[in-house]
Structures are given as C-alpha cells and as structure tokens.
Amino acid sequence: MTTKAPATVAAFPPESLERTAYDSVADIPTQEPNDRNRLGYCVWMWLVDRKGSLDDAIRFSGCRTNVALEELVQRVKQRLKEKGIEIS
C-alpha cells in the first residue's frame, strides 16, 4: 500500500483537437463514463484522420446511451460546427 497521492492529470489545452472532441460529447448521457470517453476518442480520431464519416465514427464507438443515433450525430455535429470545424 502506498502513501503517495495519485498523479495529477493534465487537461488538454482549450484550442486542441482533443479538447474539442471531448467537449463535443461532454453532455451526452451515457450508461458509464467510459462510454463517453470512448465516444470522445472516436470523434477525435475522426477529426485527425477524416477517414469515413462522422456517423460511422460515432456508431463504431459503441457508446451505450438512450439517445437515438441520429440525434446523437446531430448533437455532435452541432457542437463541432459551433467550434468552427467544417463537416462534410
């Protein structure tokens, strides 16, 4: 057993793609916090590579939520557009 405090986690800078991706899914209700993290990661990967569609990236995340897929995609797209990210 250790007596040291856990390591601190450094937050992403506000202008980074990582912060943009995770902020775009921050208010999505999920069954587990890790579902939201996985969804944010998949959005981030899509922002980096732009392979496939954003719809596919969200579907492949396997996020467990009560929000319909179409509404989930629209929410994420809207948040990304608010941040100035072009979605085709």
PDB file of N, CA and C in Angstrom:
ATOM      1  N   MET A   1       0.853  -1.167   0.000  1.00  0.00           N
ATOM      2  CA  MET A   1       0.000   0.000   0.000  1.00  0.00           C
ATOM      3  C   MET A   1       0.899   1.230   0.000  1.00  0.00           C
ATOM      4  N   THR A   2       0.536   2.193  -0.803  1.00  0.00           N
ATOM      5  CA  THR A   2       1.350   3.396  -0.918  1.00  0.00           C
ATOM      6  C   THR A   2       0.708   4.570  -0.185  1.00  0.00           C
ATOM      7  N   THR A   3       1.526   5.496   0.210  1.00  0.00           N
ATOM      8  CA  THR A   3       1.006   6.677   0.887  1.00  0.00           C
ATOM      9  C   THR A   3       1.092   7.909   0.002  1.00  0.00           C
ATOM     10  N   LYS A   4       1.594   7.725  -1.214  1.00  0.00           N
ATOM     11  CA  LYS A   4       1.703   8.856  -2.131  1.00  0.00           C
ATOM     12  C   LYS A   4       0.350   9.170  -2.767  1.00  0.00           C
ATOM     13  N   ALA A   5       0.156  10.436  -3.067  1.00  0.00           N
ATOM     14  CA  ALA A   5      -1.058  10.856  -3.755  1.00  0.00           C
ATOM     15  C   ALA A   5      -0.986  10.410  -5.221  1.00  0.00           C
ATOM     16  N   PRO A   6      -2.132  10.193  -5.850  1.00  0.00           N
ATOM     17  CA  PRO A   6      -2.097   9.794  -7.254  1.00  0.00           C
ATOM     18  C   PRO A   6      -1.561  10.918  -8.128  1.00  0.00           C
ATOM     19  N   ALA A   7      -1.047  10.547  -9.263  1.00  0.00           N
ATOM     20  CA  ALA A   7      -0.522  11.534 -10.198  1.00  0.00           C
ATOM     21  C   ALA A   7      -1.653  12.421 -10.704  1.00  0.00           C
ATOM     22  N   THR A   8      -1.347  13.670 -10.953  1.00  0.00           N
ATOM     23  CA  THR A   8      -2.350  14.574 -11.490  1.00  0.00           C
ATOM     24  C   THR A   8      -2.489  14.355 -12.988  1.00  0.00           C
ATOM     25  N   VAL A   9      -3.635  14.698 -13.495  1.00  0.00           N
ATOM     26  CA  VAL A   9      -3.909  14.560 -14.914  1.00  0.00           C
ATOM     27  C   VAL A   9      -3.903  15.952 -15.522  1.00  0.00           C
ATOM     28  N   ALA A  10      -3.094  16.134 -16.548  1.00  0.00           N
ATOM     29  CA  ALA A  10      -3.035  17.425 -17.222  1.00  0.00           C
ATOM     30  C   ALA A  10      -4.165  17.509 -18.247  1.00  0.00           C
ATOM     31  N   ALA A  11      -4.912  18.592 -18.200  1.00  0.00           N
ATOM     32  CA  ALA A  11      -6.003  18.789 -19.155  1.00  0.00           C
ATOM     33  C   ALA A  11      -5.443  19.235 -20.503  1.00  0.00           C
ATOM     34  N   PHE A  12      -6.175  18.906 -21.564  1.00  0.00           N
ATOM     35  CA  PHE A  12      -5.772  19.346 -22.893  1.00  0.00           C
ATOM     36  C   PHE A  12      -5.943  20.857 -22.991  1.00  0.00           C
ATOM     37  N   PRO A  13      -5.106  21.518 -23.781  1.00  0.00           N
ATOM     38  CA  PRO A  13      -5.304  22.954 -23.993  1.00  0.00           C
ATOM     39  C   PRO A  13      -6.669  23.207 -24.651  1.00  0.00           C
ATOM     40  N   PRO A  14      -7.299  24.337 -24.347  1.00  0.00           N
ATOM     41  CA  PRO A  14      -8.654  24.586 -24.873  1.00  0.00           C
ATOM     42  C   PRO A  14      -8.757  24.611 -26.392  1.00  0.00           C
ATOM     43  N   GLU A  15      -7.697  24.948 -27.101  1.00  0.00           N
ATOM     44  CA  GLU A  15      -7.756  25.045 -28.561  1.00  0.00           C
ATOM     45  C   GLU A  15      -7.372  23.746 -29.261  1.00  0.00           C
ATOM     46  N   SER A  16      -7.056  22.697 -28.519  1.00  0.00           N
ATOM     47  CA  SER A  16      -6.604  21.441 -29.115  1.00  0.00           C
ATOM     48  C   SER A  16      -7.771  20.633 -29.686  1.00  0.00           C
ATOM     49  N   LEU A  17      -7.459  19.767 -30.652  1.00  0.00           N
ATOM     50  CA  LEU A  17      -8.476  18.881 -31.221  1.00  0.00           C
ATOM     51  C   LEU A  17      -9.025  17.921 -30.171  1.00  0.00           C
ATOM     52  N   GLU A  18      -8.168  17.492 -29.267  1.00  0.00           N
ATOM     53  CA  GLU A  18      -8.608  16.577 -28.218  1.00  0.00           C
ATOM     54  C   GLU A  18      -9.694  17.217 -27.367  1.00  0.00           C
ATOM     55  N   ARG A  19      -9.459  18.446 -26.921  1.00  0.00           N
ATOM     56  CA  ARG A  19     -10.418  19.154 -26.082  1.00  0.00           C
ATOM     57  C   ARG A  19     -11.707  19.391 -26.864  1.00  0.00           C
ATOM     58  N   THR A  20     -11.595  19.746 -28.140  1.00  0.00           N
ATOM     59  CA  THR A  20     -12.771  19.965 -28.983  1.00  0.00           C
ATOM     60  C   THR A  20     -13.600  18.692 -29.086  1.00  0.00           C
ATOM     61  N   ALA A  21     -12.950  17.562 -29.326  1.00  0.00           N
ATOM     62  CA  ALA A  21     -13.660  16.286 -29.471  1.00  0.00           C
ATOM     63  C   ALA A  21     -14.359  15.894 -28.172  1.00  0.00           C
ATOM     64  N   TYR A  22     -13.650  15.962 -27.062  1.00  0.00           N
ATOM     65  CA  TYR A  22     -14.243  15.554 -25.788  1.00  0.00           C
ATOM     66  C   TYR A  22     -15.307  16.537 -25.320  1.00  0.00           C
ATOM     67  N   ASP A  23     -15.157  17.825 -25.615  1.00  0.00           N
ATOM     68  CA  ASP A  23     -16.187  18.802 -25.264  1.00  0.00           C
ATOM     69  C   ASP A  23     -17.450  18.593 -26.087  1.00  0.00           C
ATOM     70  N   SER A  24     -17.299  18.108 -27.318  1.00  0.00           N
ATOM     71  CA  SER A  24     -18.461  17.915 -28.186  1.00  0.00           C
ATOM     72  C   SER A  24     -19.372  16.792 -27.694  1.00  0.00           C
ATOM     73  N   VAL A  25     -18.854  15.928 -26.836  1.00  0.00           N
ATOM     74  CA  VAL A  25     -19.674  14.821 -26.311  1.00  0.00           C
ATOM     75  C   VAL A  25     -19.875  14.908 -24.799  1.00  0.00           C
ATOM     76  N   ALA A  26     -19.474  16.014 -24.204  1.00  0.00           N
ATOM     77  CA  ALA A  26     -19.474  16.133 -22.742  1.00  0.00           C
ATOM     78  C   ALA A  26     -20.863  16.015 -22.125  1.00  0.00           C
ATOM     79  N   ASP A  27     -21.899  16.463 -22.820  1.00  0.00           N
ATOM     80  CA  ASP A  27     -23.241  16.432 -22.227  1.00  0.00           C
ATOM     81  C   ASP A  27     -24.106  15.272 -22.730  1.00  0.00           C
ATOM     82  N   ILE A  28     -23.501  14.324 -23.399  1.00  0.00           N
ATOM     83  CA  ILE A  28     -24.238  13.150 -23.879  1.00  0.00           C
ATOM     84  C   ILE A  28     -24.452  12.203 -22.694  1.00  0.00           C
ATOM     85  N   PRO A  29     -25.712  11.863 -22.412  1.00  0.00           N
ATOM     86  CA  PRO A  29     -25.950  10.927 -21.299  1.00  0.00           C
ATOM     87  C   PRO A  29     -25.550   9.506 -21.708  1.00  0.00           C
ATOM     88  N   THR A  30     -24.690   8.870 -20.927  1.00  0.00           N
ATOM     89  CA  THR A  30     -24.245   7.511 -21.223  1.00  0.00           C
ATOM     90  C   THR A  30     -24.442   6.636 -19.995  1.00  0.00           C
ATOM     91  N   GLN A  31     -24.406   5.327 -20.219  1.00  0.00           N
ATOM     92  CA  GLN A  31     -24.572   4.396 -19.103  1.00  0.00           C
ATOM     93  C   GLN A  31     -23.352   4.411 -18.189  1.00  0.00           C
ATOM     94  N   GLU A  32     -22.167   4.549 -18.750  1.00  0.00           N
ATOM     95  CA  GLU A  32     -20.925   4.567 -17.992  1.00  0.00           C
ATOM     96  C   GLU A  32     -20.080   5.747 -18.466  1.00  0.00           C
ATOM     97  N   PRO A  33     -19.292   6.357 -17.585  1.00  0.00           N
ATOM     98  CA  PRO A  33     -18.420   7.454 -18.022  1.00  0.00           C
ATOM     99  C   PRO A  33     -17.447   7.025 -19.119  1.00  0.00           C
ATOM    100  N   ASN A  34     -17.031   5.774 -19.104  1.00  0.00           N
ATOM    101  CA  ASN A  34     -16.102   5.299 -20.124  1.00  0.00           C
ATOM    102  C   ASN A  34     -16.740   5.291 -21.513  1.00  0.00           C
ATOM    103  N   ASP A  35     -18.068   5.130 -21.592  1.00  0.00           N
ATOM    104  CA  ASP A  35     -18.754   5.199 -22.884  1.00  0.00           C
ATOM    105  C   ASP A  35     -18.562   6.586 -23.492  1.00  0.00           C
ATOM    106  N   ARG A  36     -18.658   7.621 -22.681  1.00  0.00           N
ATOM    107  CA  ARG A  36     -18.467   8.989 -23.156  1.00  0.00           C
ATOM    108  C   ARG A  36     -17.011   9.207 -23.560  1.00  0.00           C
ATOM    109  N   ASN A  37     -16.096   8.663 -22.793  1.00  0.00           N
ATOM    110  CA  ASN A  37     -14.670   8.783 -23.141  1.00  0.00           C
ATOM    111  C   ASN A  37     -14.375   8.094 -24.473  1.00  0.00           C
ATOM    112  N   ARG A  38     -14.943   6.914 -24.670  1.00  0.00           N
ATOM    113  CA  ARG A  38     -14.731   6.178 -25.917  1.00  0.00           C
ATOM    114  C   ARG A  38     -15.348   6.925 -27.097  1.00  0.00           C
ATOM    115  N   LEU A  39     -16.516   7.520 -26.879  1.00  0.00           N
ATOM    116  CA  LEU A  39     -17.155   8.313 -27.929  1.00  0.00           C
ATOM    117  C   LEU A  39     -16.288   9.529 -28.270  1.00  0.00           C
ATOM    118  N   GLY A  40     -15.772  10.207 -27.254  1.00  0.00           N
ATOM    119  CA  GLY A  40     -14.888  11.351 -27.487  1.00  0.00           C
ATOM    120  C   GLY A  40     -13.634  10.938 -28.231  1.00  0.00           C
ATOM    121  N   TYR A  41     -13.081   9.788 -27.884  1.00  0.00           N
ATOM    122  CA  TYR A  41     -11.891   9.290 -28.572  1.00  0.00           C
ATOM    123  C   TYR A  41     -12.180   9.022 -30.044  1.00  0.00           C
ATOM    124  N   CYS A  42     -13.321   8.399 -30.338  1.00  0.00           N
ATOM    125  CA  CYS A  42     -13.660   8.101 -31.732  1.00  0.00           C
ATOM    126  C   CYS A  42     -13.893   9.381 -32.526  1.00  0.00           C
ATOM    127  N   VAL A  43     -14.502  10.403 -31.907  1.00  0.00           N
ATOM    128  CA  VAL A  43     -14.676  11.687 -32.580  1.00  0.00           C
ATOM    129  C   VAL A  43     -13.309  12.318 -32.831  1.00  0.00           C
ATOM    130  N   TRP A  44     -12.422  12.231 -31.850  1.00  0.00           N
ATOM    131  CA  TRP A  44     -11.067  12.782 -32.011  1.00  0.00           C
ATOM    132  C   TRP A  44     -10.326  12.081 -33.155  1.00  0.00           C
ATOM    133  N   MET A  45     -10.421  10.757 -33.215  1.00  0.00           N
ATOM    134  CA  MET A  45      -9.762  10.019 -34.288  1.00  0.00           C
ATOM    135  C   MET A  45     -10.316  10.435 -35.646  1.00  0.00           C
ATOM    136  N   TRP A  46     -11.624  10.679 -35.712  1.00  0.00           N
ATOM    137  CA  TRP A  46     -12.206  11.124 -36.968  1.00  0.00           C
ATOM    138  C   TRP A  46     -11.693  12.526 -37.332  1.00  0.00           C
ATOM    139  N   LEU A  47     -11.565  13.394 -36.352  1.00  0.00           N
ATOM    140  CA  LEU A  47     -11.055  14.739 -36.607  1.00  0.00           C
ATOM    141  C   LEU A  47      -9.614  14.705 -37.103  1.00  0.00           C
ATOM    142  N   VAL A  48      -8.823  13.770 -36.618  1.00  0.00           N
ATOM    143  CA  VAL A  48      -7.424  13.663 -37.020  1.00  0.00           C
ATOM    144  C   VAL A  48      -7.302  13.078 -38.425  1.00  0.00           C
ATOM    145  N   ASP A  49      -7.994  11.972 -38.698  1.00  0.00           N
ATOM    146  CA  ASP A  49      -7.815  11.244 -39.952  1.00  0.00           C
ATOM    147  C   ASP A  49      -8.828  11.591 -41.035  1.00  0.00           C
ATOM    148  N   ARG A  50     -10.038  11.951 -40.634  1.00  0.00           N
ATOM    149  CA  ARG A  50     -11.143  12.210 -41.562  1.00  0.00           C
ATOM    150  C   ARG A  50     -11.392  11.025 -42.488  1.00  0.00           C
ATOM    151  N   LYS A  51     -11.213   9.814 -41.945  1.00  0.00           N
ATOM    152  CA  LYS A  51     -11.490   8.599 -42.705  1.00  0.00           C
ATOM    153  C   LYS A  51     -12.925   8.180 -42.414  1.00  0.00           C
ATOM    154  N   GLY A  52     -13.674   7.898 -43.464  1.00  0.00           N
ATOM    155  CA  GLY A  52     -15.068   7.534 -43.282  1.00  0.00           C
ATOM    156  C   GLY A  52     -15.890   8.763 -42.939  1.00  0.00           C
ATOM    157  N   SER A  53     -17.035   8.521 -42.335  1.00  0.00           N
ATOM    158  CA  SER A  53     -17.901   9.631 -41.956  1.00  0.00           C
ATOM    159  C   SER A  53     -17.947   9.754 -40.435  1.00  0.00           C
ATOM    160  N   LEU A  54     -18.386  10.913 -39.993  1.00  0.00           N
ATOM    161  CA  LEU A  54     -18.556  11.116 -38.556  1.00  0.00           C
ATOM    162  C   LEU A  54     -19.622  10.174 -38.025  1.00  0.00           C
ATOM    163  N   ASP A  55     -20.653   9.922 -38.818  1.00  0.00           N
ATOM    164  CA  ASP A  55     -21.697   8.968 -38.415  1.00  0.00           C
ATOM    165  C   ASP A  55     -21.101   7.602 -38.113  1.00  0.00           C
ATOM    166  N   ASP A  56     -20.192   7.152 -38.983  1.00  0.00           N
ATOM    167  CA  ASP A  56     -19.546   5.848 -38.784  1.00  0.00           C
ATOM    168  C   ASP A  56     -18.701   5.851 -37.518  1.00  0.00           C
ATOM    169  N   ALA A  57     -17.954   6.920 -37.299  1.00  0.00           N
ATOM    170  CA  ALA A  57     -17.096   7.003 -36.115  1.00  0.00           C
ATOM    171  C   ALA A  57     -17.929   6.921 -34.843  1.00  0.00           C
ATOM    172  N   ILE A  58     -19.071   7.595 -34.835  1.00  0.00           N
ATOM    173  CA  ILE A  58     -19.939   7.567 -33.654  1.00  0.00           C
ATOM    174  C   ILE A  58     -20.548   6.183 -33.480  1.00  0.00           C
ATOM    175  N   ARG A  59     -20.973   5.578 -34.572  1.00  0.00           N
ATOM    176  CA  ARG A  59     -21.555   4.231 -34.495  1.00  0.00           C
ATOM    177  C   ARG A  59     -20.523   3.217 -34.008  1.00  0.00           C
ATOM    178  N   PHE A  60     -19.292   3.309 -34.530  1.00  0.00           N
ATOM    179  CA  PHE A  60     -18.248   2.353 -34.166  1.00  0.00           C
ATOM    180  C   PHE A  60     -17.774   2.514 -32.727  1.00  0.00           C
ATOM    181  N   SER A  61     -18.066   3.653 -32.114  1.00  0.00           N
ATOM    182  CA  SER A  61     -17.628   3.859 -30.728  1.00  0.00           C
ATOM    183  C   SER A  61     -18.324   2.895 -29.772  1.00  0.00           C
ATOM    184  N   GLY A  62     -19.501   2.432 -30.144  1.00  0.00           N
ATOM    185  CA  GLY A  62     -20.240   1.509 -29.278  1.00  0.00           C
ATOM    186  C   GLY A  62     -20.772   2.182 -28.030  1.00  0.00           C
ATOM    187  N   CYS A  63     -20.978   3.471 -28.095  1.00  0.00           N
ATOM    188  CA  CYS A  63     -21.461   4.243 -26.949  1.00  0.00           C
ATOM    189  C   CYS A  63     -22.853   3.765 -26.543  1.00  0.00           C
ATOM    190  N   ARG A  64     -23.001   3.417 -25.274  1.00  0.00           N
ATOM    191  CA  ARG A  64     -24.294   2.976 -24.757  1.00  0.00           C
ATOM    192  C   ARG A  64     -25.021   4.181 -24.181  1.00  0.00           C
ATOM    193  N   THR A  65     -26.076   4.595 -24.887  1.00  0.00           N
ATOM    194  CA  THR A  65     -26.845   5.760 -24.482  1.00  0.00           C
ATOM    195  C   THR A  65     -28.298   5.554 -24.868  1.00  0.00           C
ATOM    196  N   ASN A  66     -29.179   6.338 -24.249  1.00  0.00           N
ATOM    197  CA  ASN A  66     -30.599   6.265 -24.583  1.00  0.00           C
ATOM    198  C   ASN A  66     -30.956   7.209 -25.725  1.00  0.00           C
ATOM    199  N   VAL A  67     -30.000   8.010 -26.176  1.00  0.00           N
ATOM    200  CA  VAL A  67     -30.221   8.943 -27.270  1.00  0.00           C
ATOM    201  C   VAL A  67     -30.138   8.177 -28.588  1.00  0.00           C
ATOM    202  N   ALA A  68     -31.080   8.438 -29.484  1.00  0.00           N
ATOM    203  CA  ALA A  68     -31.073   7.784 -30.794  1.00  0.00           C
ATOM    204  C   ALA A  68     -29.817   8.189 -31.563  1.00  0.00           C
ATOM    205  N   LEU A  69     -29.342   7.277 -32.407  1.00  0.00           N
ATOM    206  CA  LEU A  69     -28.107   7.510 -33.152  1.00  0.00           C
ATOM    207  C   LEU A  69     -28.181   8.790 -33.983  1.00  0.00           C
ATOM    208  N   GLU A  70     -29.311   9.018 -34.650  1.00  0.00           N
ATOM    209  CA  GLU A  70     -29.455  10.202 -35.495  1.00  0.00           C
ATOM    210  C   GLU A  70     -29.347  11.481 -34.665  1.00  0.00           C
ATOM    211  N   GLU A  71     -29.992  11.488 -33.511  1.00  0.00           N
ATOM    212  CA  GLU A  71     -29.933  12.663 -32.633  1.00  0.00           C
ATOM    213  C   GLU A  71     -28.526  12.841 -32.066  1.00  0.00           C
ATOM    214  N   LEU A  72     -27.887  11.747 -31.722  1.00  0.00           N
ATOM    215  CA  LEU A  72     -26.519  11.797 -31.207  1.00  0.00           C
ATOM    216  C   LEU A  72     -25.576  12.402 -32.244  1.00  0.00           C
ATOM    217  N   VAL A  73     -25.696  11.970 -33.484  1.00  0.00           N
ATOM    218  CA  VAL A  73     -24.861  12.508 -34.568  1.00  0.00           C
ATOM    219  C   VAL A  73     -25.132  13.991 -34.747  1.00  0.00           C
ATOM    220  N   GLN A  74     -26.401  14.388 -34.726  1.00  0.00           N
ATOM    221  CA  GLN A  74     -26.741  15.803 -34.898  1.00  0.00           C
ATOM    222  C   GLN A  74     -26.190  16.661 -33.773  1.00  0.00           C
ATOM    223  N   ARG A  75     -26.245  16.165 -32.538  1.00  0.00           N
ATOM    224  CA  ARG A  75     -25.698  16.912 -31.400  1.00  0.00           C
ATOM    225  C   ARG A  75     -24.198  17.134 -31.555  1.00  0.00           C
ATOM    226  N   VAL A  76     -23.492  16.072 -31.910  1.00  0.00           N
ATOM    227  CA  VAL A  76     -22.040  16.168 -32.056  1.00  0.00           C
ATOM    228  C   VAL A  76     -21.689  17.102 -33.216  1.00  0.00           C
ATOM    229  N   LYS A  77     -22.388  16.964 -34.345  1.00  0.00           N
ATOM    230  CA  LYS A  77     -22.131  17.836 -35.488  1.00  0.00           C
ATOM    231  C   LYS A  77     -22.367  19.297 -35.123  1.00  0.00           C
ATOM    232  N   GLN A  78     -23.438  19.560 -34.397  1.00  0.00           N
ATOM    233  CA  GLN A  78     -23.744  20.934 -33.999  1.00  0.00           C
ATOM    234  C   GLN A  78     -22.644  21.500 -33.103  1.00  0.00           C
ATOM    235  N   ARG A  79     -22.179  20.710 -32.140  1.00  0.00           N
ATOM    236  CA  ARG A  79     -21.117  21.175 -31.235  1.00  0.00           C
ATOM    237  C   ARG A  79     -19.820  21.449 -32.000  1.00  0.00           C
ATOM    238  N   LEU A  80     -19.505  20.584 -32.969  1.00  0.00           N
ATOM    239  CA  LEU A  80     -18.294  20.776 -33.763  1.00  0.00           C
ATOM    240  C   LEU A  80     -18.408  22.020 -34.647  1.00  0.00           C
ATOM    241  N   LYS A  81     -19.594  22.244 -35.209  1.00  0.00           N
ATOM    242  CA  LYS A  81     -19.799  23.448 -36.020  1.00  0.00           C
ATOM    243  C   LYS A  81     -19.660  24.709 -35.174  1.00  0.00           C
ATOM    244  N   GLU A  82     -20.132  24.652 -33.936  1.00  0.00           N
ATOM    245  CA  GLU A  82     -20.001  25.786 -33.026  1.00  0.00           C
ATOM    246  C   GLU A  82     -18.531  26.105 -32.752  1.00  0.00           C
ATOM    247  N   LYS A  83     -17.693  25.090 -32.816  1.00  0.00           N
ATOM    248  CA  LYS A  83     -16.258  25.261 -32.593  1.00  0.00           C
ATOM    249  C   LYS A  83     -15.530  25.647 -33.882  1.00  0.00           C
ATOM    250  N   GLY A  84     -16.288  25.755 -34.989  1.00  0.00           N
ATOM    251  CA  GLY A  84     -15.686  26.177 -36.252  1.00  0.00           C
ATOM    252  C   GLY A  84     -15.090  25.066 -37.084  1.00  0.00           C
ATOM    253  N   ILE A  85     -15.506  23.833 -36.818  1.00  0.00           N
ATOM    254  CA  ILE A  85     -14.979  22.692 -37.569  1.00  0.00           C
ATOM    255  C   ILE A  85     -15.934  22.367 -38.704  1.00  0.00           C
ATOM    256  N   GLU A  86     -15.395  22.327 -39.906  1.00  0.00           N
ATOM    257  CA  GLU A  86     -16.168  22.047 -41.116  1.00  0.00           C
ATOM    258  C   GLU A  86     -16.447  20.551 -41.221  1.00  0.00           C
ATOM    259  N   ILE A  87     -17.718  20.203 -41.391  1.00  0.00           N
ATOM    260  CA  ILE A  87     -18.110  18.801 -41.519  1.00  0.00           C
ATOM    261  C   ILE A  87     -18.779  18.635 -42.870  1.00  0.00           C
ATOM    262  N   SER A  88     -18.248  17.714 -43.661  1.00  0.00           N
ATOM    263  CA  SER A  88     -18.835  17.495 -44.986  1.00  0.00           C
ATOM    264  C   SER A  88     -19.644  16.226 -45.042  1.00  0.00           C
TER     265      SER A  88
END
